């Protein structure tokens, strides 16, 4: 191939042909796997272009966002995408201004509000005056598109969008403009194919595309690995807008898909439905006149579309075009092509063209009347083609002619391959081999191996190992084996027993502890707390189905009342205006502070949890408190042990709270309900 030269239009010189100068175009993707296999045997790099992530391109995302809006304009993300796109052309400041004009409604309502109130409220404002024409025109176009979507096919809607907005022409001026235009043409074609397959409606089409994106298969086969210098393989639809120095057009002998014209009932958007008619006398089924008319129209439409596709395929080559097809015999092909000799006009008659159902027959008939048609001795020159300088050659090859190529592409396996490998190894020269470099590659230790086993998200209930304080309130009798964790994420190696397998009905300490926390969270502090109000709150939670009666009976009402009688409880009541209970938080910390095997400063760990409560002091600081329902041994060291267990957790809460509030946490208090004691934590 390196001996073949082509003309490089950009450089203005001849150069050796490379793989990327060649494109293989076919009507469908049905032969892609075979092409990939055969080229692999010949060690020819190949790129299957039809597997590209089509719907991730900018122009298609904009169009899909607009189609979503036409279907349902109350979608803020899609609306912002279209407004920011070249179709409308708003910038981020203009988007913010529209949002400010109506802060409470959805974005589409804000647009309508701006246009509706412009004359009364915004006219005369220079910024609003420049923004108003853009928004008004967009809303008018959107209304027009919605009317078309209700009355016309999706393909008609898409083409109207291209013409009205000029978006198809706009993308042509962008980098890779031809490819972008081809993408938009392909969206039009896919919408048309979608409805031709029996599906209807814009809503269903948008949902269909979303499912394709979610599955990441994009209406095509799995993506193949691309190389810079590779033969390009694509379909006729995929080649729109592209040109290649050398093109191979494959499978031209493939029969046109005429399935729409077959069957006992056929349909057309304009003419309706056509069915067969049964003669009850002789029980003979015959085609009705309406069906014959519809079938004739469908055939003409199908052949017209195939003619347009053939035009696209034949105009992709810049310098050389190879047309490949299969025929039964040379004689049968020539006999079919000679039908063109009966037509003395330059353009073959519609009847002659309609009689053929393959690209190869159409092309063959066109060449049959050319003065250079030396492949057929019966060919007759057409006077209108005299003087035509087109150069072409028609070659018929048999299976025997391809034996040599097949032999070259035969895979070598088994003992033959092993013997060849051993022979080459024995004769190889290893003096210039960098052994040390090879060893360094093979023994490479990845610098950030620990990070690959480290979670970026961690809950406080999972991270108790750092502070040695498993939270019995949330996790019950959770006693993890810290030698077992999934990478660098602390988890329990056992799952909670499913409810349907639990046979012990008595509430656990964890359930009672969680219920106690819930009562402390829900209890209203607008009036003094009494034992009756605590009991009333518990009963409301039982009535609402939040607590079971069995768990409610185990809640120690006296402990809750004692909390509010303590100094901490009185302070909570006194600061109920700034009191916050059950406050969730997220905190970003260096991962090395949590996991000892990490040393890098860069990785961060996101920690989340829930603070039992805090309030703001008069001096601007905050008081953090956390109540615990743990059992406290009646010994000298009992309270100290519980405090030591939760000290690290409370410090973590204080760090998160300080960052959230932007003010210091002056007091960190643990309240041990089991012994009715408040403990300050350093």
Foldseek 3Di string as FASTA:
>chain_A
DQVDWDQDPVVRHIGGDFAALEAEAEADCPCVVVVVVLCVLVVAFEFEPVQPLLCPDLLNVLVLLLLVCLVPVQDQVSVVSNCCDLLLNDDPVLLVVLCVCPVPDGSVVSLVCCQVCCVPPPPPPPVSVVNNVSSVVVVVVSVVLNVCQVPHQPLVSLVVSCVVSVSLVVLCPPVVSLQSNLSSVVVSVVSVVCVVVPDGHSVVVSVVQVVCVVVSRRPHHHGDDDDPGHHYYYYLSNCGSAAHQEYEYPAQVDFFPLVQLDDQKHADPPLGIWGWDADVVVRDTGGDPSSVVVSVVSLVVSLVVVVVSVVSRVPRHDHYYHYDHDDPDPVVLVVLLCVLVVDQDLDGDPVSSSVDGGSSSVVSNNLLQAPPNPVDPPGHHRPVRPPPPDDDDDDDDDPVNCPVVVVSSDDDDDPRVVVVVVVCVVPDDCPPPPPVVVVCVVPPDDPPPLVVQADQEAECCQLLVQLQANACLQVNPDDADQVDDRRHTGDHPDDDDDPVPDDDPQDGPNLLSPVLLVLVQPQDLPDDDDLVSSLVSLVVCCVVVNDPPNSSVPHDSVLVNLLCVDPVNVVCSVQVVFKDAFAKFKDKDQVCSRDVVDDDRPRIHIYIYTFGMKGADPVGAIEGEDEGADDFDPDPCRVVVNCSSCLVVQVVVQVRVCVVSVHHHPWYWYQYSNVRDIDTHD
